[in-house]
Amino acid sequence: MVTFDKPGVYGIKCAPHYIMGMIGLVVVGDQTANLDAAKAVPHDIIATKRFEPLFAKVQ
């Protein structure tokens, strides 16, 4: 179990399935607290494409 105690946007990945693009985005409280930093995290091409529509929903 994971507890988020700071507001922001957190990317998560499924370790065994990350290469297939299995990712998620968790938004806690103030989503703008670290949005730019979260977007700047490098990912492989599939995960990057999967994160794009999720980040678009946050804005």
N, C-alpha and C. Protein backbone atom coordinates (compact mmCIF):
# COMPACT_ATOMS: atom_id res chain seq x y z
N MET A 1 0.85 -1.17 0.00
CA MET A 1 0.00 0.00 0.00
C MET A 1 0.90 1.24 0.00
N VAL A 2 0.43 2.26 -0.69
CA VAL A 2 1.16 3.52 -0.78
C VAL A 2 0.26 4.63 -0.23
N THR A 3 0.85 5.51 0.56
CA THR A 3 0.13 6.66 1.09
C THR A 3 0.77 7.92 0.52
N PHE A 4 -0.04 8.77 -0.06
CA PHE A 4 0.43 10.04 -0.60
C PHE A 4 0.10 11.13 0.41
N ASP A 5 1.11 11.79 0.93
CA ASP A 5 0.86 12.81 1.95
C ASP A 5 1.17 14.22 1.46
N LYS A 6 1.56 14.35 0.21
CA LYS A 6 1.82 15.66 -0.36
C LYS A 6 0.97 15.83 -1.62
N PRO A 7 0.36 17.00 -1.81
CA PRO A 7 -0.43 17.23 -3.01
C PRO A 7 0.42 17.16 -4.26
N GLY A 8 -0.17 16.74 -5.34
CA GLY A 8 0.53 16.72 -6.61
C GLY A 8 0.07 15.60 -7.51
N VAL A 9 0.83 15.40 -8.57
CA VAL A 9 0.54 14.38 -9.58
C VAL A 9 1.66 13.36 -9.52
N TYR A 10 1.29 12.09 -9.47
CA TYR A 10 2.26 11.02 -9.35
C TYR A 10 2.03 9.97 -10.42
N GLY A 11 3.06 9.70 -11.20
CA GLY A 11 3.00 8.64 -12.18
C GLY A 11 3.35 7.32 -11.54
N ILE A 12 2.63 6.28 -11.91
CA ILE A 12 2.93 4.96 -11.40
C ILE A 12 3.10 4.01 -12.58
N LYS A 13 3.89 2.97 -12.36
CA LYS A 13 4.09 2.00 -13.43
C LYS A 13 4.02 0.59 -12.87
N CYS A 14 3.54 -0.30 -13.69
CA CYS A 14 3.52 -1.71 -13.36
C CYS A 14 4.88 -2.28 -13.77
N ALA A 15 5.67 -2.68 -12.79
CA ALA A 15 7.04 -3.12 -13.08
C ALA A 15 7.12 -4.19 -14.17
N PRO A 16 6.35 -5.27 -14.11
CA PRO A 16 6.51 -6.30 -15.14
C PRO A 16 5.89 -5.92 -16.50
N HIS A 17 4.99 -4.95 -16.51
CA HIS A 17 4.29 -4.62 -17.76
C HIS A 17 4.57 -3.22 -18.28
N TYR A 18 5.52 -2.53 -17.68
CA TYR A 18 5.84 -1.16 -18.07
C TYR A 18 6.23 -1.08 -19.54
N ILE A 19 6.97 -2.05 -20.03
CA ILE A 19 7.41 -1.99 -21.44
C ILE A 19 6.24 -2.09 -22.41
N MET A 20 5.09 -2.53 -21.91
CA MET A 20 3.88 -2.57 -22.73
C MET A 20 3.00 -1.34 -22.50
N GLY A 21 3.51 -0.42 -21.68
CA GLY A 21 2.80 0.83 -21.47
C GLY A 21 1.80 0.82 -20.33
N MET A 22 1.89 -0.12 -19.42
CA MET A 22 0.94 -0.16 -18.31
C MET A 22 1.40 0.83 -17.24
N ILE A 23 0.74 1.96 -17.24
CA ILE A 23 1.05 3.05 -16.32
C ILE A 23 -0.24 3.63 -15.76
N GLY A 24 -0.12 4.52 -14.81
CA GLY A 24 -1.27 5.21 -14.26
C GLY A 24 -0.85 6.56 -13.72
N LEU A 25 -1.82 7.37 -13.40
CA LEU A 25 -1.56 8.70 -12.87
C LEU A 25 -2.45 8.90 -11.66
N VAL A 26 -1.85 9.28 -10.55
CA VAL A 26 -2.58 9.55 -9.31
C VAL A 26 -2.52 11.04 -9.04
N VAL A 27 -3.68 11.64 -8.81
CA VAL A 27 -3.75 13.08 -8.51
C VAL A 27 -4.19 13.22 -7.06
N VAL A 28 -3.39 13.96 -6.29
CA VAL A 28 -3.66 14.16 -4.86
C VAL A 28 -3.81 15.65 -4.60
N GLY A 29 -5.00 16.06 -4.18
CA GLY A 29 -5.22 17.46 -3.83
C GLY A 29 -4.91 18.41 -4.97
N ASP A 30 -4.04 19.38 -4.70
CA ASP A 30 -3.66 20.41 -5.67
C ASP A 30 -2.82 19.79 -6.78
N GLN A 31 -3.44 19.58 -7.91
CA GLN A 31 -2.75 18.90 -9.01
C GLN A 31 -1.67 19.74 -9.66
N THR A 32 -1.64 21.03 -9.39
CA THR A 32 -0.61 21.88 -10.01
C THR A 32 0.66 21.94 -9.18
N ALA A 33 0.67 21.33 -8.01
CA ALA A 33 1.81 21.43 -7.10
C ALA A 33 3.11 20.96 -7.74
N ASN A 34 3.08 19.92 -8.54
CA ASN A 34 4.30 19.39 -9.15
C ASN A 34 4.06 18.93 -10.59
N LEU A 35 3.06 19.48 -11.23
CA LEU A 35 2.67 19.02 -12.56
C LEU A 35 3.83 19.11 -13.56
N ASP A 36 4.53 20.21 -13.59
CA ASP A 36 5.64 20.35 -14.54
C ASP A 36 6.74 19.33 -14.28
N ALA A 37 7.05 19.09 -13.01
CA ALA A 37 8.07 18.10 -12.67
C ALA A 37 7.63 16.70 -13.07
N ALA A 38 6.36 16.40 -12.87
CA ALA A 38 5.84 15.07 -13.24
C ALA A 38 5.91 14.86 -14.75
N LYS A 39 5.60 15.90 -15.51
CA LYS A 39 5.66 15.80 -16.98
C LYS A 39 7.09 15.63 -17.47
N ALA A 40 8.04 16.15 -16.72
CA ALA A 40 9.44 16.13 -17.15
C ALA A 40 10.14 14.79 -16.92
N VAL A 41 9.51 13.88 -16.20
CA VAL A 41 10.14 12.58 -15.95
C VAL A 41 10.22 11.81 -17.26
N PRO A 42 11.41 11.34 -17.63
CA PRO A 42 11.56 10.62 -18.90
C PRO A 42 10.99 9.20 -18.81
N HIS A 43 10.37 8.78 -19.90
CA HIS A 43 9.81 7.43 -20.03
C HIS A 43 10.11 6.91 -21.42
N ASP A 44 9.92 5.61 -21.60
CA ASP A 44 10.09 5.08 -22.95
C ASP A 44 8.93 5.57 -23.82
N ILE A 45 9.02 5.32 -25.10
CA ILE A 45 8.07 5.90 -26.05
C ILE A 45 6.63 5.45 -25.82
N ILE A 46 6.43 4.21 -25.45
CA ILE A 46 5.06 3.72 -25.24
C ILE A 46 4.45 4.37 -24.00
N ALA A 47 5.19 4.39 -22.90
CA ALA A 47 4.68 5.00 -21.68
C ALA A 47 4.45 6.49 -21.88
N THR A 48 5.32 7.16 -22.60
CA THR A 48 5.14 8.59 -22.88
C THR A 48 3.83 8.82 -23.61
N LYS A 49 3.53 8.01 -24.60
CA LYS A 49 2.27 8.16 -25.34
C LYS A 49 1.06 7.88 -24.46
N ARG A 50 1.20 6.99 -23.51
CA ARG A 50 0.08 6.67 -22.60
C ARG A 50 -0.11 7.77 -21.56
N PHE A 51 0.99 8.42 -21.13
CA PHE A 51 0.87 9.49 -20.15
C PHE A 51 0.25 10.75 -20.75
N GLU A 52 0.48 11.03 -22.02
CA GLU A 52 0.01 12.28 -22.64
C GLU A 52 -1.48 12.53 -22.43
N PRO A 53 -2.37 11.58 -22.74
CA PRO A 53 -3.80 11.86 -22.52
C PRO A 53 -4.17 11.97 -21.05
N LEU A 54 -3.43 11.30 -20.18
CA LEU A 54 -3.71 11.41 -18.75
C LEU A 54 -3.35 12.80 -18.25
N PHE A 55 -2.17 13.30 -18.66
CA PHE A 55 -1.79 14.66 -18.27
C PHE A 55 -2.78 15.69 -18.86
N ALA A 56 -3.30 15.44 -20.04
CA ALA A 56 -4.25 16.36 -20.66
C ALA A 56 -5.53 16.47 -19.82
N LYS A 57 -5.92 15.39 -19.18
CA LYS A 57 -7.11 15.43 -18.33
C LYS A 57 -6.89 16.21 -17.04
N VAL A 58 -5.65 16.28 -16.60
CA VAL A 58 -5.32 16.98 -15.36
C VAL A 58 -5.39 18.48 -15.55
N GLN A 59 -5.02 18.98 -16.69
CA GLN A 59 -4.92 20.42 -16.92
C GLN A 59 -6.25 21.09 -17.03
